[in-house]
Amino acid sequence: MNELVDRFMVAGDNTTPSLYFLPFNSGNGGHWLLVAMDLSRLMVYYLDSLPGDWSKYPSMKKTVDAALLKFRSKKNYRNRKDITWVRVQCL
């Protein structure tokens, strides 16, 4: 989580929409997902070729949510809206 926050801090003001991509290994036999984070909007998009939602990967959600909230705190952003998770359909 701290590595994510450090990378976010170096990237600039993060007030304009931009996506940060994070490959995530579920640990379940080597299954990979792709997470795309929009820091300015507190939006997290994830691409998973397997059916289901993010609740199958609680460690992914916990890590990403904590990193986003810590980053926002370090930047003193006042916007306290919830983080929105969106599953992107993989075909």
PDB file of N, CA and C in Angstrom:
ATOM      1  N   MET A   1       0.827  -1.185   0.000  1.00  0.00           N
ATOM      2  CA  MET A   1       0.000   0.000   0.000  1.00  0.00           C
ATOM      3  C   MET A   1       0.874   1.253   0.000  1.00  0.00           C
ATOM      4  N   ASN A   2       1.911   1.271   0.820  1.00  0.00           N
ATOM      5  CA  ASN A   2       2.759   2.462   0.885  1.00  0.00           C
ATOM      6  C   ASN A   2       3.454   2.746  -0.440  1.00  0.00           C
ATOM      7  N   GLU A   3       3.815   1.697  -1.178  1.00  0.00           N
ATOM      8  CA  GLU A   3       4.418   1.895  -2.501  1.00  0.00           C
ATOM      9  C   GLU A   3       3.436   2.568  -3.455  1.00  0.00           C
ATOM     10  N   LEU A   4       2.174   2.170  -3.394  1.00  0.00           N
ATOM     11  CA  LEU A   4       1.157   2.806  -4.242  1.00  0.00           C
ATOM     12  C   LEU A   4       1.044   4.287  -3.905  1.00  0.00           C
ATOM     13  N   VAL A   5       0.947   4.593  -2.625  1.00  0.00           N
ATOM     14  CA  VAL A   5       0.800   5.989  -2.201  1.00  0.00           C
ATOM     15  C   VAL A   5       2.010   6.803  -2.649  1.00  0.00           C
ATOM     16  N   ASP A   6       3.211   6.248  -2.495  1.00  0.00           N
ATOM     17  CA  ASP A   6       4.420   6.961  -2.917  1.00  0.00           C
ATOM     18  C   ASP A   6       4.385   7.262  -4.412  1.00  0.00           C
ATOM     19  N   ARG A   7       3.936   6.303  -5.207  1.00  0.00           N
ATOM     20  CA  ARG A   7       3.844   6.533  -6.653  1.00  0.00           C
ATOM     21  C   ARG A   7       2.800   7.596  -6.984  1.00  0.00           C
ATOM     22  N   PHE A   8       1.681   7.587  -6.266  1.00  0.00           N
ATOM     23  CA  PHE A   8       0.646   8.594  -6.484  1.00  0.00           C
ATOM     24  C   PHE A   8       1.183   9.988  -6.160  1.00  0.00           C
ATOM     25  N   MET A   9       1.950  10.100  -5.084  1.00  0.00           N
ATOM     26  CA  MET A   9       2.453  11.396  -4.633  1.00  0.00           C
ATOM     27  C   MET A   9       3.421  12.001  -5.655  1.00  0.00           C
ATOM     28  N   VAL A  10       4.205  11.193  -6.321  1.00  0.00           N
ATOM     29  CA  VAL A  10       5.186  11.660  -7.291  1.00  0.00           C
ATOM     30  C   VAL A  10       4.516  12.111  -8.589  1.00  0.00           C
ATOM     31  N   ALA A  11       3.330  11.639  -8.847  1.00  0.00           N
ATOM     32  CA  ALA A  11       2.691  11.813 -10.151  1.00  0.00           C
ATOM     33  C   ALA A  11       2.144  13.207 -10.426  1.00  0.00           C
ATOM     34  N   GLY A  12       2.148  14.099  -9.485  1.00  0.00           N
ATOM     35  CA  GLY A  12       1.631  15.445  -9.734  1.00  0.00           C
ATOM     36  C   GLY A  12       0.446  15.746  -8.842  1.00  0.00           C
ATOM     37  N   ASP A  13      -0.398  16.677  -9.284  1.00  0.00           N
ATOM     38  CA  ASP A  13      -1.495  17.128  -8.419  1.00  0.00           C
ATOM     39  C   ASP A  13      -2.687  16.189  -8.400  1.00  0.00           C
ATOM     40  N   ASN A  14      -2.824  15.340  -9.410  1.00  0.00           N
ATOM     41  CA  ASN A  14      -3.896  14.348  -9.471  1.00  0.00           C
ATOM     42  C   ASN A  14      -5.291  14.939  -9.368  1.00  0.00           C
ATOM     43  N   THR A  15      -5.454  16.181  -9.819  1.00  0.00           N
ATOM     44  CA  THR A  15      -6.786  16.770  -9.808  1.00  0.00           C
ATOM     45  C   THR A  15      -7.494  16.593 -11.142  1.00  0.00           C
ATOM     46  N   THR A  16      -6.754  16.216 -12.170  1.00  0.00           N
ATOM     47  CA  THR A  16      -7.368  15.925 -13.458  1.00  0.00           C
ATOM     48  C   THR A  16      -7.459  14.413 -13.623  1.00  0.00           C
ATOM     49  N   PRO A  17      -8.496  13.948 -14.281  1.00  0.00           N
ATOM     50  CA  PRO A  17      -8.663  12.503 -14.425  1.00  0.00           C
ATOM     51  C   PRO A  17      -7.479  11.852 -15.137  1.00  0.00           C
ATOM     52  N   SER A  18      -6.952  10.845 -14.521  1.00  0.00           N
ATOM     53  CA  SER A  18      -5.924  10.015 -15.140  1.00  0.00           C
ATOM     54  C   SER A  18      -5.991   8.657 -14.456  1.00  0.00           C
ATOM     55  N   LEU A  19      -5.637   7.638 -15.184  1.00  0.00           N
ATOM     56  CA  LEU A  19      -5.741   6.282 -14.647  1.00  0.00           C
ATOM     57  C   LEU A  19      -4.370   5.735 -14.292  1.00  0.00           C
ATOM     58  N   TYR A  20      -4.315   5.048 -13.170  1.00  0.00           N
ATOM     59  CA  TYR A  20      -3.128   4.333 -12.730  1.00  0.00           C
ATOM     60  C   TYR A  20      -3.474   2.851 -12.759  1.00  0.00           C
ATOM     61  N   PHE A  21      -2.653   2.070 -13.425  1.00  0.00           N
ATOM     62  CA  PHE A  21      -2.941   0.648 -13.610  1.00  0.00           C
ATOM     63  C   PHE A  21      -2.121  -0.195 -12.645  1.00  0.00           C
ATOM     64  N   LEU A  22      -2.785  -1.200 -12.085  1.00  0.00           N
ATOM     65  CA  LEU A  22      -2.145  -2.083 -11.121  1.00  0.00           C
ATOM     66  C   LEU A  22      -2.541  -3.522 -11.432  1.00  0.00           C
ATOM     67  N   PRO A  23      -1.593  -4.355 -11.862  1.00  0.00           N
ATOM     68  CA  PRO A  23      -1.914  -5.779 -12.009  1.00  0.00           C
ATOM     69  C   PRO A  23      -2.001  -6.397 -10.617  1.00  0.00           C
ATOM     70  N   PHE A  24      -2.948  -7.276 -10.421  1.00  0.00           N
ATOM     71  CA  PHE A  24      -3.167  -7.887  -9.102  1.00  0.00           C
ATOM     72  C   PHE A  24      -3.287  -9.396  -9.254  1.00  0.00           C
ATOM     73  N   ASN A  25      -2.488 -10.119  -8.492  1.00  0.00           N
ATOM     74  CA  ASN A  25      -2.561 -11.578  -8.488  1.00  0.00           C
ATOM     75  C   ASN A  25      -3.414 -12.008  -7.311  1.00  0.00           C
ATOM     76  N   SER A  26      -4.462 -12.767  -7.601  1.00  0.00           N
ATOM     77  CA  SER A  26      -5.409 -13.163  -6.561  1.00  0.00           C
ATOM     78  C   SER A  26      -4.838 -14.194  -5.607  1.00  0.00           C
ATOM     79  N   GLY A  27      -3.768 -14.859  -6.016  1.00  0.00           N
ATOM     80  CA  GLY A  27      -3.199 -15.905  -5.176  1.00  0.00           C
ATOM     81  C   GLY A  27      -3.934 -17.224  -5.315  1.00  0.00           C
ATOM     82  N   ASN A  28      -4.985 -17.250  -6.096  1.00  0.00           N
ATOM     83  CA  ASN A  28      -5.776 -18.460  -6.321  1.00  0.00           C
ATOM     84  C   ASN A  28      -5.302 -19.144  -7.591  1.00  0.00           C
ATOM     85  N   GLY A  29      -4.196 -19.824  -7.509  1.00  0.00           N
ATOM     86  CA  GLY A  29      -3.693 -20.527  -8.688  1.00  0.00           C
ATOM     87  C   GLY A  29      -3.112 -19.609  -9.744  1.00  0.00           C
ATOM     88  N   GLY A  30      -2.739 -18.407  -9.360  1.00  0.00           N
ATOM     89  CA  GLY A  30      -2.091 -17.501 -10.304  1.00  0.00           C
ATOM     90  C   GLY A  30      -3.035 -16.683 -11.158  1.00  0.00           C
ATOM     91  N   HIS A  31      -4.275 -16.497 -10.728  1.00  0.00           N
ATOM     92  CA  HIS A  31      -5.236 -15.697 -11.499  1.00  0.00           C
ATOM     93  C   HIS A  31      -4.901 -14.211 -11.358  1.00  0.00           C
ATOM     94  N   TRP A  32      -4.862 -13.521 -12.489  1.00  0.00           N
ATOM     95  CA  TRP A  32      -4.539 -12.102 -12.509  1.00  0.00           C
ATOM     96  C   TRP A  32      -5.761 -11.256 -12.851  1.00  0.00           C
ATOM     97  N   LEU A  33      -5.829 -10.072 -12.248  1.00  0.00           N
ATOM     98  CA  LEU A  33      -6.832  -9.062 -12.553  1.00  0.00           C
ATOM     99  C   LEU A  33      -6.086  -7.776 -12.886  1.00  0.00           C
ATOM    100  N   LEU A  34      -6.776  -6.851 -13.518  1.00  0.00           N
ATOM    101  CA  LEU A  34      -6.199  -5.533 -13.757  1.00  0.00           C
ATOM    102  C   LEU A  34      -7.073  -4.502 -13.064  1.00  0.00           C
ATOM    103  N   VAL A  35      -6.437  -3.653 -12.282  1.00  0.00           N
ATOM    104  CA  VAL A  35      -7.134  -2.586 -11.560  1.00  0.00           C
ATOM    105  C   VAL A  35      -6.685  -1.255 -12.163  1.00  0.00           C
ATOM    106  N   ALA A  36      -7.644  -0.397 -12.488  1.00  0.00           N
ATOM    107  CA  ALA A  36      -7.354   0.948 -12.979  1.00  0.00           C
ATOM    108  C   ALA A  36      -7.964   1.940 -12.001  1.00  0.00           C
ATOM    109  N   MET A  37      -7.142   2.845 -11.477  1.00  0.00           N
ATOM    110  CA  MET A  37      -7.602   3.775 -10.445  1.00  0.00           C
ATOM    111  C   MET A  37      -7.607   5.201 -10.969  1.00  0.00           C
ATOM    112  N   ASP A  38      -8.709   5.896 -10.774  1.00  0.00           N
ATOM    113  CA  ASP A  38      -8.827   7.315 -11.090  1.00  0.00           C
ATOM    114  C   ASP A  38      -8.799   8.052  -9.751  1.00  0.00           C
ATOM    115  N   LEU A  39      -7.659   8.651  -9.427  1.00  0.00           N
ATOM    116  CA  LEU A  39      -7.476   9.280  -8.118  1.00  0.00           C
ATOM    117  C   LEU A  39      -8.361  10.496  -7.928  1.00  0.00           C
ATOM    118  N   SER A  40      -8.600  11.260  -8.982  1.00  0.00           N
ATOM    119  CA  SER A  40      -9.365  12.492  -8.840  1.00  0.00           C
ATOM    120  C   SER A  40     -10.839  12.231  -8.572  1.00  0.00           C
ATOM    121  N   ARG A  41     -11.341  11.107  -9.026  1.00  0.00           N
ATOM    122  CA  ARG A  41     -12.770  10.798  -8.877  1.00  0.00           C
ATOM    123  C   ARG A  41     -13.047   9.691  -7.859  1.00  0.00           C
ATOM    124  N   LEU A  42     -11.992   9.129  -7.272  1.00  0.00           N
ATOM    125  CA  LEU A  42     -12.131   7.989  -6.359  1.00  0.00           C
ATOM    126  C   LEU A  42     -12.907   6.851  -7.016  1.00  0.00           C
ATOM    127  N   MET A  43     -12.533   6.570  -8.256  1.00  0.00           N
ATOM    128  CA  MET A  43     -13.144   5.479  -9.003  1.00  0.00           C
ATOM    129  C   MET A  43     -12.098   4.398  -9.204  1.00  0.00           C
ATOM    130  N   VAL A  44     -12.515   3.150  -9.011  1.00  0.00           N
ATOM    131  CA  VAL A  44     -11.633   2.013  -9.253  1.00  0.00           C
ATOM    132  C   VAL A  44     -12.338   1.089 -10.234  1.00  0.00           C
ATOM    133  N   TYR A  45     -11.687   0.831 -11.341  1.00  0.00           N
ATOM    134  CA  TYR A  45     -12.213  -0.084 -12.349  1.00  0.00           C
ATOM    135  C   TYR A  45     -11.378  -1.359 -12.278  1.00  0.00           C
ATOM    136  N   TYR A  46     -12.040  -2.494 -12.334  1.00  0.00           N
ATOM    137  CA  TYR A  46     -11.268  -3.733 -12.341  1.00  0.00           C
ATOM    138  C   TYR A  46     -11.767  -4.649 -13.439  1.00  0.00           C
ATOM    139  N   LEU A  47     -10.800  -5.303 -14.079  1.00  0.00           N
ATOM    140  CA  LEU A  47     -11.082  -6.212 -15.177  1.00  0.00           C
ATOM    141  C   LEU A  47     -10.729  -7.611 -14.710  1.00  0.00           C
ATOM    142  N   ASP A  48     -11.724  -8.485 -14.740  1.00  0.00           N
ATOM    143  CA  ASP A  48     -11.549  -9.853 -14.283  1.00  0.00           C
ATOM    144  C   ASP A  48     -12.215 -10.769 -15.298  1.00  0.00           C
ATOM    145  N   SER A  49     -11.465 -11.715 -15.809  1.00  0.00           N
ATOM    146  CA  SER A  49     -12.019 -12.631 -16.808  1.00  0.00           C
ATOM    147  C   SER A  49     -12.928 -13.690 -16.189  1.00  0.00           C
ATOM    148  N   LEU A  50     -12.893 -13.816 -14.858  1.00  0.00           N
ATOM    149  CA  LEU A  50     -13.769 -14.770 -14.176  1.00  0.00           C
ATOM    150  C   LEU A  50     -15.037 -14.067 -13.697  1.00  0.00           C
ATOM    151  N   PRO A  51     -16.155 -14.792 -13.602  1.00  0.00           N
ATOM    152  CA  PRO A  51     -17.399 -14.168 -13.140  1.00  0.00           C
ATOM    153  C   PRO A  51     -17.329 -13.812 -11.655  1.00  0.00           C
ATOM    154  N   GLY A  52     -18.152 -12.858 -11.254  1.00  0.00           N
ATOM    155  CA  GLY A  52     -18.232 -12.458  -9.852  1.00  0.00           C
ATOM    156  C   GLY A  52     -17.867 -10.996  -9.682  1.00  0.00           C
ATOM    157  N   ASP A  53     -17.832 -10.554  -8.418  1.00  0.00           N
ATOM    158  CA  ASP A  53     -17.499  -9.161  -8.151  1.00  0.00           C
ATOM    159  C   ASP A  53     -16.256  -9.078  -7.267  1.00  0.00           C
ATOM    160  N   TRP A  54     -15.910  -7.854  -6.867  1.00  0.00           N
ATOM    161  CA  TRP A  54     -14.682  -7.627  -6.111  1.00  0.00           C
ATOM    162  C   TRP A  54     -14.671  -8.336  -4.764  1.00  0.00           C
ATOM    163  N   SER A  55     -15.821  -8.755  -4.255  1.00  0.00           N
ATOM    164  CA  SER A  55     -15.859  -9.400  -2.938  1.00  0.00           C
ATOM    165  C   SER A  55     -15.113 -10.740  -2.930  1.00  0.00           C
ATOM    166  N   LYS A  56     -14.811 -11.277  -4.131  1.00  0.00           N
ATOM    167  CA  LYS A  56     -14.005 -12.495  -4.225  1.00  0.00           C
ATOM    168  C   LYS A  56     -12.540 -12.216  -3.881  1.00  0.00           C
ATOM    169  N   TYR A  57     -12.165 -10.947  -3.876  1.00  0.00           N
ATOM    170  CA  TYR A  57     -10.773 -10.546  -3.670  1.00  0.00           C
ATOM    171  C   TYR A  57     -10.680  -9.480  -2.568  1.00  0.00           C
ATOM    172  N   PRO A  58     -10.990  -9.841  -1.333  1.00  0.00           N
ATOM    173  CA  PRO A  58     -11.011  -8.831  -0.262  1.00  0.00           C
ATOM    174  C   PRO A  58      -9.657  -8.155  -0.040  1.00  0.00           C
ATOM    175  N   SER A  59      -8.559  -8.867  -0.247  1.00  0.00           N
ATOM    176  CA  SER A  59      -7.246  -8.236  -0.029  1.00  0.00           C
ATOM    177  C   SER A  59      -6.978  -7.159  -1.083  1.00  0.00           C
ATOM    178  N   MET A  60      -7.452  -7.371  -2.309  1.00  0.00           N
ATOM    179  CA  MET A  60      -7.302  -6.365  -3.360  1.00  0.00           C
ATOM    180  C   MET A  60      -8.049  -5.099  -2.967  1.00  0.00           C
ATOM    181  N   LYS A  61      -9.300  -5.255  -2.585  1.00  0.00           N
ATOM    182  CA  LYS A  61     -10.118  -4.092  -2.233  1.00  0.00           C
ATOM    183  C   LYS A  61      -9.546  -3.368  -1.027  1.00  0.00           C
ATOM    184  N   LYS A  62      -9.146  -4.118  -0.030  1.00  0.00           N
ATOM    185  CA  LYS A  62      -8.593  -3.508   1.187  1.00  0.00           C
ATOM    186  C   LYS A  62      -7.331  -2.698   0.871  1.00  0.00           C
ATOM    187  N   THR A  63      -6.440  -3.268   0.079  1.00  0.00           N
ATOM    188  CA  THR A  63      -5.183  -2.596  -0.264  1.00  0.00           C
ATOM    189  C   THR A  63      -5.426  -1.334  -1.083  1.00  0.00           C
ATOM    190  N   VAL A  64      -6.248  -1.443  -2.116  1.00  0.00           N
ATOM    191  CA  VAL A  64      -6.504  -0.297  -2.992  1.00  0.00           C
ATOM    192  C   VAL A  64      -7.264   0.801  -2.244  1.00  0.00           C
ATOM    193  N   ASP A  65      -8.303   0.444  -1.503  1.00  0.00           N
ATOM    194  CA  ASP A  65      -9.053   1.441  -0.734  1.00  0.00           C
ATOM    195  C   ASP A  65      -8.142   2.168   0.247  1.00  0.00           C
ATOM    196  N   ALA A  66      -7.324   1.420   0.976  1.00  0.00           N
ATOM    197  CA  ALA A  66      -6.435   2.031   1.970  1.00  0.00           C
ATOM    198  C   ALA A  66      -5.435   2.968   1.299  1.00  0.00           C
ATOM    199  N   ALA A  67      -4.885   2.565   0.157  1.00  0.00           N
ATOM    200  CA  ALA A  67      -3.921   3.410  -0.557  1.00  0.00           C
ATOM    201  C   ALA A  67      -4.580   4.699  -1.045  1.00  0.00           C
ATOM    202  N   LEU A  68      -5.774   4.589  -1.603  1.00  0.00           N
ATOM    203  CA  LEU A  68      -6.473   5.781  -2.089  1.00  0.00           C
ATOM    204  C   LEU A  68      -6.802   6.738  -0.944  1.00  0.00           C
ATOM    205  N   LEU A  69      -7.283   6.215   0.157  1.00  0.00           N
ATOM    206  CA  LEU A  69      -7.641   7.074   1.281  1.00  0.00           C
ATOM    207  C   LEU A  69      -6.407   7.717   1.913  1.00  0.00           C
ATOM    208  N   LYS A  70      -5.318   6.977   2.012  1.00  0.00           N
ATOM    209  CA  LYS A  70      -4.083   7.531   2.567  1.00  0.00           C
ATOM    210  C   LYS A  70      -3.532   8.620   1.651  1.00  0.00           C
ATOM    211  N   PHE A  71      -3.573   8.376   0.346  1.00  0.00           N
ATOM    212  CA  PHE A  71      -3.130   9.385  -0.609  1.00  0.00           C
ATOM    213  C   PHE A  71      -3.954  10.658  -0.470  1.00  0.00           C
ATOM    214  N   ARG A  72      -5.267  10.517  -0.434  1.00  0.00           N
ATOM    215  CA  ARG A  72      -6.148  11.691  -0.316  1.00  0.00           C
ATOM    216  C   ARG A  72      -5.862  12.447   0.974  1.00  0.00           C
ATOM    217  N   SER A  73      -5.589  11.723   2.044  1.00  0.00           N
ATOM    218  CA  SER A  73      -5.270  12.355   3.318  1.00  0.00           C
ATOM    219  C   SER A  73      -3.951  13.132   3.233  1.00  0.00           C
ATOM    220  N   LYS A  74      -2.938  12.543   2.622  1.00  0.00           N
ATOM    221  CA  LYS A  74      -1.633  13.201   2.485  1.00  0.00           C
ATOM    222  C   LYS A  74      -1.727  14.462   1.632  1.00  0.00           C
ATOM    223  N   LYS A  75      -2.612  14.445   0.654  1.00  0.00           N
ATOM    224  CA  LYS A  75      -2.798  15.594  -0.225  1.00  0.00           C
ATOM    225  C   LYS A  75      -3.766  16.619   0.358  1.00  0.00           C
ATOM    226  N   ASN A  76      -4.345  16.314   1.523  1.00  0.00           N
ATOM    227  CA  ASN A  76      -5.305  17.196   2.189  1.00  0.00           C
ATOM    228  C   ASN A  76      -6.533  17.494   1.342  1.00  0.00           C
ATOM    229  N   TYR A  77      -6.979  16.509   0.576  1.00  0.00           N
ATOM    230  CA  TYR A  77      -8.206  16.682  -0.192  1.00  0.00           C
ATOM    231  C   TYR A  77      -9.390  16.643   0.755  1.00  0.00           C
ATOM    232  N   ARG A  78     -10.287  17.562   0.584  1.00  0.00           N
ATOM    233  CA  ARG A  78     -11.447  17.674   1.474  1.00  0.00           C
ATOM    234  C   ARG A  78     -12.593  16.752   1.048  1.00  0.00           C
ATOM    235  N   ASN A  79     -12.593  16.354  -0.203  1.00  0.00           N
ATOM    236  CA  ASN A  79     -13.675  15.514  -0.713  1.00  0.00           C
ATOM    237  C   ASN A  79     -13.616  14.146  -0.036  1.00  0.00           C
ATOM    238  N   ARG A  80     -14.621  13.807   0.727  1.00  0.00           N
ATOM    239  CA  ARG A  80     -14.647  12.552   1.478  1.00  0.00           C
ATOM    240  C   ARG A  80     -15.642  11.552   0.914  1.00  0.00           C
ATOM    241  N   LYS A  81     -15.926  11.659  -0.375  1.00  0.00           N
ATOM    242  CA  LYS A  81     -16.900  10.723  -0.952  1.00  0.00           C
ATOM    243  C   LYS A  81     -16.356   9.297  -0.930  1.00  0.00           C
ATOM    244  N   ASP A  82     -17.258   8.345  -1.018  1.00  0.00           N
ATOM    245  CA  ASP A  82     -16.877   6.943  -1.008  1.00  0.00           C
ATOM    246  C   ASP A  82     -16.153   6.555  -2.289  1.00  0.00           C
ATOM    247  N   ILE A  83     -15.336   5.525  -2.177  1.00  0.00           N
ATOM    248  CA  ILE A  83     -14.658   4.971  -3.335  1.00  0.00           C
ATOM    249  C   ILE A  83     -15.651   4.102  -4.093  1.00  0.00           C
ATOM    250  N   THR A  84     -15.761   4.319  -5.385  1.00  0.00           N
ATOM    251  CA  THR A  84     -16.673   3.569  -6.226  1.00  0.00           C
ATOM    252  C   THR A  84     -15.893   2.501  -6.997  1.00  0.00           C
ATOM    253  N   TRP A  85     -16.355   1.254  -6.884  1.00  0.00           N
ATOM    254  CA  TRP A  85     -15.741   0.140  -7.611  1.00  0.00           C
ATOM    255  C   TRP A  85     -16.647  -0.242  -8.780  1.00  0.00           C
ATOM    256  N   VAL A  86     -16.048  -0.351  -9.979  1.00  0.00           N
ATOM    257  CA  VAL A  86     -16.791  -0.672 -11.180  1.00  0.00           C
ATOM    258  C   VAL A  86     -16.128  -1.875 -11.854  1.00  0.00           C
ATOM    259  N   ARG A  87     -16.919  -2.903 -12.107  1.00  0.00           N
ATOM    260  CA  ARG A  87     -16.397  -4.072 -12.825  1.00  0.00           C
ATOM    261  C   ARG A  87     -16.533  -3.829 -14.317  1.00  0.00           C
ATOM    262  N   VAL A  88     -15.437  -3.925 -15.038  1.00  0.00           N
ATOM    263  CA  VAL A  88     -15.435  -3.756 -16.487  1.00  0.00           C
ATOM    264  C   VAL A  88     -15.622  -5.135 -17.109  1.00  0.00           C
ATOM    265  N   GLN A  89     -16.591  -5.242 -17.987  1.00  0.00           N
ATOM    266  CA  GLN A  89     -16.900  -6.510 -18.627  1.00  0.00           C
ATOM    267  C   GLN A  89     -15.766  -6.954 -19.525  1.00  0.00           C
ATOM    268  N   CYS A  90     -15.290  -8.169 -19.318  1.00  0.00           N
ATOM    269  CA  CYS A  90     -14.270  -8.769 -20.177  1.00  0.00           C
ATOM    270  C   CYS A  90     -14.952  -9.774 -21.091  1.00  0.00           C
ATOM    271  N   LEU A  91     -14.669  -9.693 -22.351  1.00  0.00           N
ATOM    272  CA  LEU A  91     -15.262 -10.622 -23.312  1.00  0.00           C
ATOM    273  C   LEU A  91     -14.247 -11.626 -23.774  1.00  0.00           C
TER     274      LEU A  91
END
